[in-house]
Amino acid sequence: MEQIIDFTLRPLRNNEHYQFMSDFSKMITATTPETLGVVNQFPAFTVVLSNEAIAIGVEDGSSLSKKMRSAGYSPR
């Protein structure tokens, strides 16, 4: 089993934080919440992780912003 010895989340950008937490969730699922003793906490964690994914999606901007970026527009 992989172990996280010491890791600070503070310097991570939003997308990096989400990626780390998603990977962490996958590790929990692979090992099983029962084995780790987090059966009661894991459902709430997955809800929060899902909410974070939604928030990051909103942060990426509007559909118009995406079209402008794909057309090569870059704000100063």
PDB file of N, CA and C in Angstrom:
ATOM      1  N   MET A   1       0.835  -1.171   0.000  1.00  0.00           N
ATOM      2  CA  MET A   1       0.000   0.000   0.000  1.00  0.00           C
ATOM      3  C   MET A   1       0.888   1.245   0.000  1.00  0.00           C
ATOM      4  N   GLU A   2       0.511   2.220  -0.843  1.00  0.00           N
ATOM      5  CA  GLU A   2       1.237   3.483  -0.880  1.00  0.00           C
ATOM      6  C   GLU A   2       0.928   4.292   0.364  1.00  0.00           C
ATOM      7  N   GLN A   3       1.892   5.083   0.808  1.00  0.00           N
ATOM      8  CA  GLN A   3       1.688   5.919   1.979  1.00  0.00           C
ATOM      9  C   GLN A   3       2.097   7.350   1.665  1.00  0.00           C
ATOM     10  N   ILE A   4       1.346   8.284   2.216  1.00  0.00           N
ATOM     11  CA  ILE A   4       1.691   9.693   2.124  1.00  0.00           C
ATOM     12  C   ILE A   4       2.324  10.044   3.461  1.00  0.00           C
ATOM     13  N   ILE A   5       3.599  10.328   3.439  1.00  0.00           N
ATOM     14  CA  ILE A   5       4.332  10.591   4.669  1.00  0.00           C
ATOM     15  C   ILE A   5       4.068  12.016   5.156  1.00  0.00           C
ATOM     16  N   ASP A   6       4.338  12.989   4.293  1.00  0.00           N
ATOM     17  CA  ASP A   6       4.187  14.386   4.669  1.00  0.00           C
ATOM     18  C   ASP A   6       3.909  15.176   3.398  1.00  0.00           C
ATOM     19  N   PHE A   7       2.833  15.958   3.414  1.00  0.00           N
ATOM     20  CA  PHE A   7       2.474  16.710   2.218  1.00  0.00           C
ATOM     21  C   PHE A   7       1.648  17.913   2.636  1.00  0.00           C
ATOM     22  N   THR A   8       2.008  19.074   2.144  1.00  0.00           N
ATOM     23  CA  THR A   8       1.282  20.297   2.443  1.00  0.00           C
ATOM     24  C   THR A   8       0.432  20.688   1.252  1.00  0.00           C
ATOM     25  N   LEU A   9      -0.867  20.859   1.467  1.00  0.00           N
ATOM     26  CA  LEU A   9      -1.791  21.219   0.393  1.00  0.00           C
ATOM     27  C   LEU A   9      -1.790  22.716   0.099  1.00  0.00           C
ATOM     28  N   ARG A  10      -1.337  23.524   1.019  1.00  0.00           N
ATOM     29  CA  ARG A  10      -1.426  24.977   0.901  1.00  0.00           C
ATOM     30  C   ARG A  10      -0.849  25.542  -0.399  1.00  0.00           C
ATOM     31  N   PRO A  11       0.314  25.112  -0.878  1.00  0.00           N
ATOM     32  CA  PRO A  11       0.860  25.756  -2.082  1.00  0.00           C
ATOM     33  C   PRO A  11       0.202  25.309  -3.403  1.00  0.00           C
ATOM     34  N   LEU A  12      -0.691  24.358  -3.348  1.00  0.00           N
ATOM     35  CA  LEU A  12      -1.291  23.846  -4.575  1.00  0.00           C
ATOM     36  C   LEU A  12      -2.310  24.821  -5.157  1.00  0.00           C
ATOM     37  N   ARG A  13      -2.337  24.885  -6.484  1.00  0.00           N
ATOM     38  CA  ARG A  13      -3.393  25.628  -7.171  1.00  0.00           C
ATOM     39  C   ARG A  13      -4.656  24.770  -7.129  1.00  0.00           C
ATOM     40  N   ASN A  14      -5.793  25.362  -7.467  1.00  0.00           N
ATOM     41  CA  ASN A  14      -7.065  24.648  -7.355  1.00  0.00           C
ATOM     42  C   ASN A  14      -7.076  23.333  -8.130  1.00  0.00           C
ATOM     43  N   ASN A  15      -6.641  23.362  -9.386  1.00  0.00           N
ATOM     44  CA  ASN A  15      -6.640  22.141 -10.199  1.00  0.00           C
ATOM     45  C   ASN A  15      -5.677  21.098  -9.641  1.00  0.00           C
ATOM     46  N   GLU A  16      -4.549  21.547  -9.117  1.00  0.00           N
ATOM     47  CA  GLU A  16      -3.587  20.620  -8.514  1.00  0.00           C
ATOM     48  C   GLU A  16      -4.167  19.996  -7.243  1.00  0.00           C
ATOM     49  N   HIS A  17      -4.850  20.813  -6.456  1.00  0.00           N
ATOM     50  CA  HIS A  17      -5.482  20.300  -5.233  1.00  0.00           C
ATOM     51  C   HIS A  17      -6.513  19.241  -5.585  1.00  0.00           C
ATOM     52  N   TYR A  18      -7.346  19.541  -6.581  1.00  0.00           N
ATOM     53  CA  TYR A  18      -8.371  18.587  -6.992  1.00  0.00           C
ATOM     54  C   TYR A  18      -7.732  17.288  -7.496  1.00  0.00           C
ATOM     55  N   GLN A  19      -6.662  17.395  -8.275  1.00  0.00           N
ATOM     56  CA  GLN A  19      -5.997  16.197  -8.794  1.00  0.00           C
ATOM     57  C   GLN A  19      -5.444  15.344  -7.659  1.00  0.00           C
ATOM     58  N   PHE A  20      -4.805  16.003  -6.687  1.00  0.00           N
ATOM     59  CA  PHE A  20      -4.260  15.270  -5.542  1.00  0.00           C
ATOM     60  C   PHE A  20      -5.376  14.555  -4.780  1.00  0.00           C
ATOM     61  N   MET A  21      -6.460  15.279  -4.505  1.00  0.00           N
ATOM     62  CA  MET A  21      -7.555  14.695  -3.748  1.00  0.00           C
ATOM     63  C   MET A  21      -8.254  13.580  -4.528  1.00  0.00           C
ATOM     64  N   SER A  22      -8.333  13.715  -5.856  1.00  0.00           N
ATOM     65  CA  SER A  22      -8.904  12.647  -6.687  1.00  0.00           C
ATOM     66  C   SER A  22      -8.035  11.392  -6.626  1.00  0.00           C
ATOM     67  N   ASP A  23      -6.733  11.599  -6.719  1.00  0.00           N
ATOM     68  CA  ASP A  23      -5.813  10.462  -6.607  1.00  0.00           C
ATOM     69  C   ASP A  23      -5.917   9.815  -5.222  1.00  0.00           C
ATOM     70  N   PHE A  24      -6.042  10.648  -4.200  1.00  0.00           N
ATOM     71  CA  PHE A  24      -6.201  10.161  -2.835  1.00  0.00           C
ATOM     72  C   PHE A  24      -7.483   9.335  -2.704  1.00  0.00           C
ATOM     73  N   SER A  25      -8.559   9.819  -3.312  1.00  0.00           N
ATOM     74  CA  SER A  25      -9.833   9.096  -3.290  1.00  0.00           C
ATOM     75  C   SER A  25      -9.699   7.729  -3.971  1.00  0.00           C
ATOM     76  N   LYS A  26      -8.975   7.701  -5.075  1.00  0.00           N
ATOM     77  CA  LYS A  26      -8.757   6.430  -5.778  1.00  0.00           C
ATOM     78  C   LYS A  26      -7.953   5.455  -4.918  1.00  0.00           C
ATOM     79  N   MET A  27      -6.985   5.985  -4.165  1.00  0.00           N
ATOM     80  CA  MET A  27      -6.204   5.128  -3.272  1.00  0.00           C
ATOM     81  C   MET A  27      -7.090   4.556  -2.168  1.00  0.00           C
ATOM     82  N   ILE A  28      -7.981   5.382  -1.638  1.00  0.00           N
ATOM     83  CA  ILE A  28      -8.903   4.905  -0.601  1.00  0.00           C
ATOM     84  C   ILE A  28      -9.803   3.808  -1.170  1.00  0.00           C
ATOM     85  N   THR A  29     -10.333   4.049  -2.358  1.00  0.00           N
ATOM     86  CA  THR A  29     -11.217   3.068  -2.989  1.00  0.00           C
ATOM     87  C   THR A  29     -10.484   1.763  -3.265  1.00  0.00           C
ATOM     88  N   ALA A  30      -9.250   1.854  -3.729  1.00  0.00           N
ATOM     89  CA  ALA A  30      -8.471   0.651  -4.039  1.00  0.00           C
ATOM     90  C   ALA A  30      -8.155  -0.158  -2.777  1.00  0.00           C
ATOM     91  N   THR A  31      -7.881   0.543  -1.693  1.00  0.00           N
ATOM     92  CA  THR A  31      -7.550  -0.131  -0.441  1.00  0.00           C
ATOM     93  C   THR A  31      -8.815  -0.543   0.317  1.00  0.00           C
ATOM     94  N   THR A  32      -9.880   0.123   0.069  1.00  0.00           N
ATOM     95  CA  THR A  32     -11.235   0.023   0.646  1.00  0.00           C
ATOM     96  C   THR A  32     -11.353   0.863   1.913  1.00  0.00           C
ATOM     97  N   PRO A  33     -12.431   1.614   1.999  1.00  0.00           N
ATOM     98  CA  PRO A  33     -12.681   2.416   3.192  1.00  0.00           C
ATOM     99  C   PRO A  33     -12.769   1.562   4.459  1.00  0.00           C
ATOM    100  N   GLU A  34     -13.259   0.339   4.323  1.00  0.00           N
ATOM    101  CA  GLU A  34     -13.363  -0.554   5.481  1.00  0.00           C
ATOM    102  C   GLU A  34     -11.990  -0.863   6.068  1.00  0.00           C
ATOM    103  N   THR A  35     -11.049  -1.180   5.192  1.00  0.00           N
ATOM    104  CA  THR A  35      -9.693  -1.507   5.636  1.00  0.00           C
ATOM    105  C   THR A  35      -9.042  -0.320   6.327  1.00  0.00           C
ATOM    106  N   LEU A  36      -9.307   0.878   5.816  1.00  0.00           N
ATOM    107  CA  LEU A  36      -8.696   2.079   6.369  1.00  0.00           C
ATOM    108  C   LEU A  36      -9.456   2.656   7.557  1.00  0.00           C
ATOM    109  N   GLY A  37     -10.657   2.139   7.800  1.00  0.00           N
ATOM    110  CA  GLY A  37     -11.450   2.621   8.922  1.00  0.00           C
ATOM    111  C   GLY A  37     -12.083   3.986   8.681  1.00  0.00           C
ATOM    112  N   VAL A  38     -12.412   4.271   7.423  1.00  0.00           N
ATOM    113  CA  VAL A  38     -13.004   5.573   7.098  1.00  0.00           C
ATOM    114  C   VAL A  38     -14.378   5.420   6.441  1.00  0.00           C
ATOM    115  N   VAL A  39     -15.073   4.347   6.751  1.00  0.00           N
ATOM    116  CA  VAL A  39     -16.377   4.067   6.140  1.00  0.00           C
ATOM    117  C   VAL A  39     -17.359   5.210   6.393  1.00  0.00           C
ATOM    118  N   ASN A  40     -17.380   5.745   7.597  1.00  0.00           N
ATOM    119  CA  ASN A  40     -18.321   6.812   7.927  1.00  0.00           C
ATOM    120  C   ASN A  40     -17.949   8.147   7.286  1.00  0.00           C
ATOM    121  N   GLN A  41     -16.671   8.409   7.091  1.00  0.00           N
ATOM    122  CA  GLN A  41     -16.213   9.689   6.563  1.00  0.00           C
ATOM    123  C   GLN A  41     -16.155   9.730   5.029  1.00  0.00           C
ATOM    124  N   PHE A  42     -15.952   8.588   4.405  1.00  0.00           N
ATOM    125  CA  PHE A  42     -15.706   8.568   2.963  1.00  0.00           C
ATOM    126  C   PHE A  42     -16.870   9.102   2.128  1.00  0.00           C
ATOM    127  N   PRO A  43     -18.125   8.798   2.439  1.00  0.00           N
ATOM    128  CA  PRO A  43     -19.222   9.361   1.639  1.00  0.00           C
ATOM    129  C   PRO A  43     -19.226  10.895   1.634  1.00  0.00           C
ATOM    130  N   ALA A  44     -18.989  11.512   2.775  1.00  0.00           N
ATOM    131  CA  ALA A  44     -18.938  12.979   2.847  1.00  0.00           C
ATOM    132  C   ALA A  44     -17.748  13.506   2.054  1.00  0.00           C
ATOM    133  N   PHE A  45     -16.630  12.807   2.115  1.00  0.00           N
ATOM    134  CA  PHE A  45     -15.443  13.205   1.354  1.00  0.00           C
ATOM    135  C   PHE A  45     -15.736  13.189  -0.143  1.00  0.00           C
ATOM    136  N   THR A  46     -16.427  12.163  -0.614  1.00  0.00           N
ATOM    137  CA  THR A  46     -16.723  12.093  -2.048  1.00  0.00           C
ATOM    138  C   THR A  46     -17.686  13.194  -2.486  1.00  0.00           C
ATOM    139  N   VAL A  47     -18.599  13.584  -1.611  1.00  0.00           N
ATOM    140  CA  VAL A  47     -19.512  14.697  -1.929  1.00  0.00           C
ATOM    141  C   VAL A  47     -18.719  16.003  -2.050  1.00  0.00           C
ATOM    142  N   VAL A  48     -17.829  16.243  -1.110  1.00  0.00           N
ATOM    143  CA  VAL A  48     -17.018  17.459  -1.135  1.00  0.00           C
ATOM    144  C   VAL A  48     -16.114  17.467  -2.376  1.00  0.00           C
ATOM    145  N   LEU A  49     -15.560  16.328  -2.710  1.00  0.00           N
ATOM    146  CA  LEU A  49     -14.706  16.231  -3.894  1.00  0.00           C
ATOM    147  C   LEU A  49     -15.505  16.514  -5.162  1.00  0.00           C
ATOM    148  N   SER A  50     -16.711  16.021  -5.229  1.00  0.00           N
ATOM    149  CA  SER A  50     -17.587  16.297  -6.361  1.00  0.00           C
ATOM    150  C   SER A  50     -17.918  17.787  -6.458  1.00  0.00           C
ATOM    151  N   ASN A  51     -18.192  18.404  -5.315  1.00  0.00           N
ATOM    152  CA  ASN A  51     -18.461  19.845  -5.287  1.00  0.00           C
ATOM    153  C   ASN A  51     -17.246  20.652  -5.739  1.00  0.00           C
ATOM    154  N   GLU A  52     -16.063  20.191  -5.366  1.00  0.00           N
ATOM    155  CA  GLU A  52     -14.836  20.862  -5.795  1.00  0.00           C
ATOM    156  C   GLU A  52     -14.686  20.780  -7.313  1.00  0.00           C
ATOM    157  N   ALA A  53     -15.005  19.625  -7.888  1.00  0.00           N
ATOM    158  CA  ALA A  53     -14.931  19.463  -9.344  1.00  0.00           C
ATOM    159  C   ALA A  53     -15.881  20.430 -10.048  1.00  0.00           C
ATOM    160  N   ILE A  54     -17.072  20.596  -9.499  1.00  0.00           N
ATOM    161  CA  ILE A  54     -18.044  21.525 -10.074  1.00  0.00           C
ATOM    162  C   ILE A  54     -17.521  22.957  -9.983  1.00  0.00           C
ATOM    163  N   ALA A  55     -16.972  23.318  -8.832  1.00  0.00           N
ATOM    164  CA  ALA A  55     -16.444  24.668  -8.644  1.00  0.00           C
ATOM    165  C   ALA A  55     -15.287  24.955  -9.591  1.00  0.00           C
ATOM    166  N   ILE A  56     -14.425  23.988  -9.793  1.00  0.00           N
ATOM    167  CA  ILE A  56     -13.294  24.172 -10.708  1.00  0.00           C
ATOM    168  C   ILE A  56     -13.794  24.318 -12.138  1.00  0.00           C
ATOM    169  N   GLY A  57     -14.835  23.580 -12.494  1.00  0.00           N
ATOM    170  CA  GLY A  57     -15.411  23.706 -13.825  1.00  0.00           C
ATOM    171  C   GLY A  57     -15.964  25.091 -14.064  1.00  0.00           C
ATOM    172  N   VAL A  58     -16.603  25.673 -13.062  1.00  0.00           N
ATOM    173  CA  VAL A  58     -17.131  27.034 -13.166  1.00  0.00           C
ATOM    174  C   VAL A  58     -15.985  28.026 -13.272  1.00  0.00           C
ATOM    175  N   GLU A  59     -14.917  27.768 -12.537  1.00  0.00           N
ATOM    176  CA  GLU A  59     -13.770  28.667 -12.517  1.00  0.00           C
ATOM    177  C   GLU A  59     -13.117  28.788 -13.890  1.00  0.00           C
ATOM    178  N   ASP A  60     -13.240  27.763 -14.714  1.00  0.00           N
ATOM    179  CA  ASP A  60     -12.607  27.783 -16.030  1.00  0.00           C
ATOM    180  C   ASP A  60     -13.215  28.822 -16.956  1.00  0.00           C
ATOM    181  N   GLY A  61     -14.284  29.456 -16.553  1.00  0.00           N
ATOM    182  CA  GLY A  61     -14.862  30.526 -17.345  1.00  0.00           C
ATOM    183  C   GLY A  61     -16.112  30.095 -18.081  1.00  0.00           C
ATOM    184  N   SER A  62     -16.693  31.058 -18.766  1.00  0.00           N
ATOM    185  CA  SER A  62     -17.926  30.808 -19.496  1.00  0.00           C
ATOM    186  C   SER A  62     -17.642  30.077 -20.803  1.00  0.00           C
ATOM    187  N   SER A  63     -18.704  29.636 -21.455  1.00  0.00           N
ATOM    188  CA  SER A  63     -18.541  28.978 -22.754  1.00  0.00           C
ATOM    189  C   SER A  63     -17.984  29.965 -23.775  1.00  0.00           C
ATOM    190  N   LEU A  64     -18.315  31.253 -23.647  1.00  0.00           N
ATOM    191  CA  LEU A  64     -17.775  32.267 -24.552  1.00  0.00           C
ATOM    192  C   LEU A  64     -16.269  32.405 -24.354  1.00  0.00           C
ATOM    193  N   SER A  65     -15.834  32.397 -23.090  1.00  0.00           N
ATOM    194  CA  SER A  65     -14.397  32.480 -22.801  1.00  0.00           C
ATOM    195  C   SER A  65     -13.647  31.316 -23.433  1.00  0.00           C
ATOM    196  N   LYS A  66     -14.226  30.122 -23.349  1.00  0.00           N
ATOM    197  CA  LYS A  66     -13.582  28.945 -23.928  1.00  0.00           C
ATOM    198  C   LYS A  66     -13.467  29.078 -25.447  1.00  0.00           C
ATOM    199  N   LYS A  67     -14.528  29.588 -26.081  1.00  0.00           N
ATOM    200  CA  LYS A  67     -14.490  29.778 -27.534  1.00  0.00           C
ATOM    201  C   LYS A  67     -13.424  30.804 -27.911  1.00  0.00           C
ATOM    202  N   MET A  68     -13.321  31.869 -27.125  1.00  0.00           N
ATOM    203  CA  MET A  68     -12.323  32.902 -27.410  1.00  0.00           C
ATOM    204  C   MET A  68     -10.908  32.355 -27.259  1.00  0.00           C
ATOM    205  N   ARG A  69     -10.678  31.549 -26.212  1.00  0.00           N
ATOM    206  CA  ARG A  69      -9.347  30.958 -26.028  1.00  0.00           C
ATOM    207  C   ARG A  69      -9.015  30.009 -27.170  1.00  0.00           C
ATOM    208  N   SER A  70      -9.989  29.207 -27.598  1.00  0.00           N
ATOM    209  CA  SER A  70      -9.713  28.259 -28.680  1.00  0.00           C
ATOM    210  C   SER A  70      -9.486  28.989 -30.004  1.00  0.00           C
ATOM    211  N   ALA A  71     -10.006  30.224 -30.126  1.00  0.00           N
ATOM    212  CA  ALA A  71      -9.792  31.009 -31.333  1.00  0.00           C
ATOM    213  C   ALA A  71      -8.471  31.769 -31.280  1.00  0.00           C
ATOM    214  N   GLY A  72      -7.766  31.654 -30.152  1.00  0.00           N
ATOM    215  CA  GLY A  72      -6.450  32.279 -30.050  1.00  0.00           C
ATOM    216  C   GLY A  72      -6.409  33.573 -29.266  1.00  0.00           C
ATOM    217  N   TYR A  73      -7.537  34.041 -28.723  1.00  0.00           N
ATOM    218  CA  TYR A  73      -7.560  35.265 -27.945  1.00  0.00           C
ATOM    219  C   TYR A  73      -6.927  35.027 -26.597  1.00  0.00           C
ATOM    220  N   SER A  74      -6.065  35.948 -26.197  1.00  0.00           N
ATOM    221  CA  SER A  74      -5.426  35.864 -24.889  1.00  0.00           C
ATOM    222  C   SER A  74      -5.478  37.227 -24.236  1.00  0.00           C
ATOM    223  N   PRO A  75      -6.162  37.357 -23.078  1.00  0.00           N
ATOM    224  CA  PRO A  75      -6.203  38.653 -22.409  1.00  0.00           C
ATOM    225  C   PRO A  75      -4.833  39.038 -21.903  1.00  0.00           C
ATOM    226  N   ARG A  76      -4.592  40.322 -21.804  1.00  0.00           N
ATOM    227  CA  ARG A  76      -3.268  40.803 -21.371  1.00  0.00           C
ATOM    228  C   ARG A  76      -2.999  40.530 -19.945  1.00  0.00           C
TER     229      ARG A  76
END
